[in-house]
Amino acid sequence: MLELTPGDGCGNRFLLVKQQAMLVEGEAGPDLAQRLCGVHYDGLLVLGEEVDDALPVTIINRDGSDGGACLNGLRVAACFTGLQRGRLLMAGEVVDWQRREEGFELALPLHAEQIEVTEHRHGDAAATWFQVEFWNPHAVFRSKPTDQPLADFAETVAARRDLFPRGVNVEVVPELGESDELSMRVFERGVGETAACGSGALAVAAVAWRLGAGALLGLQMRGGRLEVEQVEGGRIHLRGAAKVGPSKSLQGLLRDAPKA
């Protein structure tokens, strides 16, 4: 019987499922994500069999598309294991993690200078925005047109296929470059506006560091707060809350799903 486990990472809501169980039941990940996630979950986390002591994790967006890398999802997967520390494999990268008092910490396998940040200017500082590439594509803005909903604004940005052939996550950060404590909103490709985004927090941190921010940054999103820190010569750690709920059968999940 196929079982799924709900999880929450700083407001990002997921369903976790084991890949082997999906194979036994003949379920395909994209189809399952489209059937189950709706507006209540941001994606499906598929857990594979360990490879060299690392647990593979794949994120499938609610529309069935590949979610690339999902750092909030990785912390939820870490919580699901019930262990104190371990290794996860996502998007070709191995990430070490450990349980901390404030949640879960990911030790990311990259240095701050490895994150590609391109500045785009449009005449004044307020209109300057930043294209960020590391695992997922991001566009980081200080502001958006006040009369335009975030969804419409994000679609306008994503329409730049010359810059974003794979789509783009759009982050809006009003105090970018002015503080080490930032608030942000995020619109994720294949999902829509979400309560939080771990890779988006990292993209914002990369821009903030470029603008002279300190090594430790706090990113406040609608779903909660993440900390991103440069350690050990530029290595990056990300910390934040994560939890999982009781598992449910596929039939039970479909039966108990809240109505949109």
Protein backbone atom coordinates (compact mmCIF):
# COMPACT_ATOMS: atom_id res chain seq x y z
CA MET A 1 0.00 0.00 0.00
CA LEU A 2 1.40 3.38 -1.01
CA GLU A 3 1.95 5.73 1.95
CA LEU A 4 2.66 9.45 1.83
CA THR A 5 3.88 11.71 4.62
CA PRO A 6 3.06 15.42 4.84
CA GLY A 7 5.91 17.74 5.75
CA ASP A 8 6.53 21.44 6.30
CA GLY A 9 9.77 23.37 5.87
CA CYS A 10 9.40 26.97 6.99
CA GLY A 11 5.95 27.14 5.41
CA ASN A 12 6.74 25.10 2.30
CA ARG A 13 4.39 22.11 2.39
CA PHE A 14 5.31 18.81 0.79
CA LEU A 15 4.24 15.22 0.46
CA LEU A 16 7.01 12.62 0.90
CA VAL A 17 6.88 9.23 -0.78
CA LYS A 18 9.40 6.41 -1.22
CA GLN A 19 10.39 5.74 -4.81
CA GLN A 20 10.41 1.98 -4.31
CA ALA A 21 6.82 2.03 -3.08
CA MET A 22 5.80 4.07 -6.13
CA LEU A 23 7.42 1.50 -8.41
CA VAL A 24 5.59 -1.35 -6.68
CA GLU A 25 2.25 0.44 -7.03
CA GLY A 26 2.94 1.55 -10.61
CA GLU A 27 2.66 5.25 -9.77
CA ALA A 28 4.52 7.95 -11.73
CA GLY A 29 5.85 10.94 -9.80
CA PRO A 30 4.58 13.75 -12.07
CA ASP A 31 1.09 12.23 -12.21
CA LEU A 32 1.05 11.72 -8.44
CA ALA A 33 2.13 15.33 -7.83
CA GLN A 34 -0.61 16.67 -10.08
CA ARG A 35 -3.25 14.46 -8.47
CA LEU A 36 -2.34 15.15 -4.84
CA CYS A 37 -0.65 18.51 -4.39
CA GLY A 38 -3.33 20.90 -5.64
CA VAL A 39 -3.11 24.24 -3.83
CA HIS A 40 -2.33 22.60 -0.48
CA TYR A 41 1.17 21.24 -1.16
CA ASP A 42 4.05 22.86 -3.02
CA GLY A 43 5.47 19.62 -4.32
CA LEU A 44 6.18 15.92 -4.02
CA LEU A 45 9.46 14.77 -2.43
CA VAL A 46 10.51 11.37 -3.78
CA LEU A 47 13.00 9.46 -1.61
CA GLY A 48 15.23 6.91 -3.33
CA GLU A 49 17.56 4.17 -2.09
CA GLU A 50 20.82 5.28 -0.45
CA VAL A 51 23.85 5.78 -2.71
CA ASP A 52 27.25 5.95 -0.94
CA ASP A 53 25.54 6.77 2.38
CA ALA A 54 23.52 9.60 0.80
CA LEU A 55 19.72 9.50 0.52
CA PRO A 56 18.56 10.68 -2.94
CA VAL A 57 15.71 13.20 -2.90
CA THR A 58 13.85 14.51 -5.96
CA ILE A 59 11.38 17.39 -5.91
CA ILE A 60 8.43 17.39 -8.33
CA ASN A 61 6.40 20.60 -8.50
CA ARG A 62 2.64 20.52 -8.10
CA ASP A 63 2.24 20.92 -11.87
CA GLY A 64 4.34 17.79 -12.47
CA SER A 65 7.50 19.61 -13.57
CA ASP A 66 11.01 19.00 -12.20
CA GLY A 67 11.63 21.28 -9.21
CA GLY A 68 15.43 21.15 -9.47
CA ALA A 69 16.87 21.85 -6.02
CA CYS A 70 14.69 22.51 -2.96
CA LEU A 71 16.50 23.35 0.27
CA ASN A 72 13.35 23.51 2.40
CA GLY A 73 12.44 20.12 1.00
CA LEU A 74 15.86 18.75 1.94
CA ARG A 75 15.34 19.76 5.57
CA VAL A 76 11.93 18.06 5.56
CA ALA A 77 13.56 14.91 4.15
CA ALA A 78 16.19 15.11 6.90
CA CYS A 79 13.44 15.34 9.52
CA PHE A 80 11.67 12.35 7.96
CA THR A 81 14.72 10.10 8.54
CA GLY A 82 14.46 10.54 12.33
CA LEU A 83 18.28 10.73 12.55
CA GLN A 84 20.52 13.37 14.11
CA ARG A 85 22.70 13.85 11.04
CA GLY A 86 23.22 12.42 7.58
CA ARG A 87 23.74 13.07 3.89
CA LEU A 88 21.21 13.85 1.16
CA LEU A 89 21.63 13.81 -2.60
CA MET A 90 19.64 16.27 -4.73
CA ALA A 91 20.19 17.68 -8.23
CA GLY A 92 23.56 15.91 -8.41
CA GLU A 93 24.89 17.47 -5.19
CA VAL A 94 25.55 15.77 -1.84
CA VAL A 95 24.47 17.87 1.15
CA ASP A 96 25.48 17.08 4.73
CA TRP A 97 22.91 17.92 7.37
CA GLN A 98 22.51 17.88 11.14
CA ARG A 99 19.68 18.43 13.59
CA ARG A 100 20.02 21.66 15.55
CA GLU A 101 18.04 23.15 18.42
CA GLU A 102 16.38 25.63 16.04
CA GLY A 103 15.66 23.04 13.36
CA PHE A 104 17.92 21.52 10.72
CA GLU A 105 21.16 22.81 9.24
CA LEU A 106 22.30 22.08 5.69
CA ALA A 107 26.03 22.33 4.89
CA LEU A 108 25.86 23.21 1.20
CA PRO A 109 28.63 21.94 -1.08
CA LEU A 110 29.53 25.30 -2.60
CA HIS A 111 31.27 28.57 -1.79
CA ALA A 112 29.56 31.95 -2.02
CA GLU A 113 31.80 32.98 -4.93
CA GLN A 114 30.59 29.99 -6.96
CA ILE A 115 27.08 31.45 -7.20
CA GLU A 116 26.72 33.38 -10.46
CA VAL A 117 25.17 36.82 -9.94
CA THR A 118 24.50 39.14 -12.89
CA GLU A 119 23.35 42.70 -12.26
CA HIS A 120 20.85 44.26 -14.64
CA ARG A 121 20.48 48.04 -14.57
CA HIS A 122 17.47 50.05 -15.67
CA GLY A 123 18.46 53.63 -15.01
CA ASP A 124 18.20 53.92 -11.23
CA ALA A 125 19.11 51.89 -8.14
CA ALA A 126 15.51 51.02 -7.31
CA ALA A 127 15.07 49.42 -10.73
CA THR A 128 18.27 47.36 -10.55
CA TRP A 129 17.69 43.61 -10.33
CA PHE A 130 19.88 40.54 -10.16
CA GLN A 131 19.92 37.31 -12.11
CA VAL A 132 21.22 34.46 -9.93
CA GLU A 133 22.23 30.97 -11.10
CA PHE A 134 23.46 28.08 -8.98
CA TRP A 135 20.99 25.16 -8.99
CA ASN A 136 17.75 26.93 -9.86
CA PRO A 137 17.38 30.16 -11.89
CA HIS A 138 16.37 33.22 -9.85
CA ALA A 139 15.56 36.88 -10.45
CA VAL A 140 15.95 39.05 -7.33
CA PHE A 141 14.27 42.46 -7.19
CA ARG A 142 14.14 45.24 -4.61
CA SER A 143 10.59 46.14 -5.66
CA LYS A 144 7.87 45.48 -8.22
CA PRO A 145 5.26 47.78 -9.81
CA THR A 146 2.88 48.65 -6.96
CA ASP A 147 -0.23 48.17 -9.12
CA GLN A 148 0.79 44.74 -10.40
CA PRO A 149 0.11 41.48 -8.49
CA LEU A 150 3.21 39.37 -7.82
CA ALA A 151 1.93 36.57 -10.06
CA ASP A 152 1.57 38.92 -13.05
CA PHE A 153 4.95 40.48 -12.35
CA ALA A 154 6.61 37.05 -12.15
CA GLU A 155 5.02 35.99 -15.44
CA THR A 156 6.42 39.12 -17.08
CA VAL A 157 9.90 38.26 -15.83
CA ALA A 158 9.59 34.58 -16.85
CA ALA A 159 8.60 35.69 -20.36
CA ARG A 160 12.25 36.69 -20.89
CA ARG A 161 13.13 33.34 -22.44
CA ASP A 162 16.43 34.79 -23.65
CA LEU A 163 17.45 35.00 -19.98
CA PHE A 164 15.34 32.22 -18.45
CA PRO A 165 14.82 29.31 -20.88
CA ARG A 166 14.04 26.99 -17.93
CA GLY A 167 11.65 29.41 -16.23
CA VAL A 168 12.58 31.38 -13.12
CA ASN A 169 11.87 31.87 -9.43
CA VAL A 170 11.19 35.54 -8.68
CA GLU A 171 12.11 37.08 -5.30
CA VAL A 172 11.12 40.58 -4.13
CA VAL A 173 13.21 41.96 -1.23
CA PRO A 174 12.43 45.60 -0.28
CA GLU A 175 15.47 46.22 1.99
CA LEU A 176 18.01 44.39 -0.14
CA GLY A 177 21.47 45.83 0.48
CA GLU A 178 20.34 47.82 3.54
CA SER A 179 20.17 45.25 6.35
CA ASP A 180 21.29 41.79 7.46
CA GLU A 181 17.66 41.02 8.39
CA LEU A 182 15.53 40.89 5.24
CA SER A 183 11.93 40.13 4.38
CA MET A 184 11.06 38.57 1.05
CA ARG A 185 8.26 37.24 -1.12
CA VAL A 186 8.82 34.54 -3.68
CA PHE A 187 7.00 33.23 -6.75
CA GLU A 188 8.29 29.77 -7.72
CA ARG A 189 8.19 28.34 -11.23
CA GLY A 190 5.73 25.49 -11.53
CA VAL A 191 4.12 26.35 -8.17
CA GLY A 192 3.16 30.01 -7.77
CA GLU A 193 3.67 32.22 -4.73
CA THR A 194 4.84 30.12 -1.79
CA ALA A 195 5.18 30.78 1.92
CA ALA A 196 8.93 30.17 1.72
CA CYS A 197 11.75 29.12 -0.61
CA GLY A 198 15.12 27.84 0.58
CA SER A 199 16.92 28.22 -2.75
CA GLY A 200 15.33 31.67 -3.06
CA ALA A 201 16.75 32.61 0.35
CA LEU A 202 20.17 31.50 -0.84
CA ALA A 203 19.81 33.54 -4.05
CA VAL A 204 18.87 36.62 -2.02
CA ALA A 205 21.82 36.01 0.31
CA ALA A 206 24.20 35.82 -2.65
CA VAL A 207 23.01 39.23 -3.86
CA ALA A 208 23.14 40.70 -0.33
CA TRP A 209 26.74 39.52 0.11
CA ARG A 210 27.62 41.08 -3.24
CA LEU A 211 26.19 44.35 -1.89
CA GLY A 212 28.29 44.15 1.29
CA ALA A 213 26.09 42.32 3.82
CA GLY A 214 27.54 40.45 6.79
CA ALA A 215 28.27 36.73 6.81
CA LEU A 216 25.08 35.84 8.73
CA LEU A 217 21.74 36.80 7.19
CA GLY A 218 18.17 36.35 8.41
CA LEU A 219 15.49 35.91 5.73
CA GLN A 220 11.90 36.36 6.89
CA MET A 221 9.20 34.88 4.67
CA ARG A 222 5.49 34.40 5.20
CA GLY A 223 6.08 30.85 6.46
CA GLY A 224 8.94 31.62 8.83
CA ARG A 225 12.59 32.56 9.07
CA LEU A 226 15.71 31.04 7.52
CA GLU A 227 19.32 31.79 8.37
CA VAL A 228 22.03 31.70 5.70
CA GLU A 229 25.66 31.98 6.78
CA GLN A 230 29.09 31.95 5.20
CA VAL A 231 31.47 29.76 7.20
CA GLU A 232 34.93 28.28 6.77
CA GLY A 233 36.22 30.49 4.00
CA GLY A 234 32.96 31.06 2.17
CA ARG A 235 31.16 27.74 2.62
CA ILE A 236 27.42 28.20 3.10
CA HIS A 237 25.14 26.81 5.81
CA LEU A 238 21.36 27.16 5.80
CA ARG A 239 19.25 26.69 8.94
CA GLY A 240 15.53 26.57 9.53
CA ALA A 241 12.57 24.67 10.91
CA ALA A 242 11.15 21.46 9.44
CA LYS A 243 8.59 18.91 10.57
CA VAL A 244 6.64 15.92 9.30
CA GLY A 245 3.19 14.63 10.17
CA PRO A 246 1.74 11.12 10.39
CA SER A 247 1.80 9.08 7.20
CA LYS A 248 -1.39 8.36 5.29
CA SER A 249 -2.34 5.86 2.64
CA LEU A 250 -2.92 7.19 -0.85
CA GLN A 251 -6.64 6.45 -0.49
CA GLY A 252 -6.80 8.14 2.91
CA LEU A 253 -4.98 11.20 1.63
CA LEU A 254 -7.37 11.55 -1.28
CA ARG A 255 -10.35 11.06 1.03
CA ASP A 256 -9.20 13.57 3.67
CA ALA A 257 -7.79 16.22 1.35
CA PRO A 258 -9.21 19.68 2.17
CA LYS A 259 -11.38 21.14 -0.55
CA ALA A 260 -9.87 24.00 -2.55
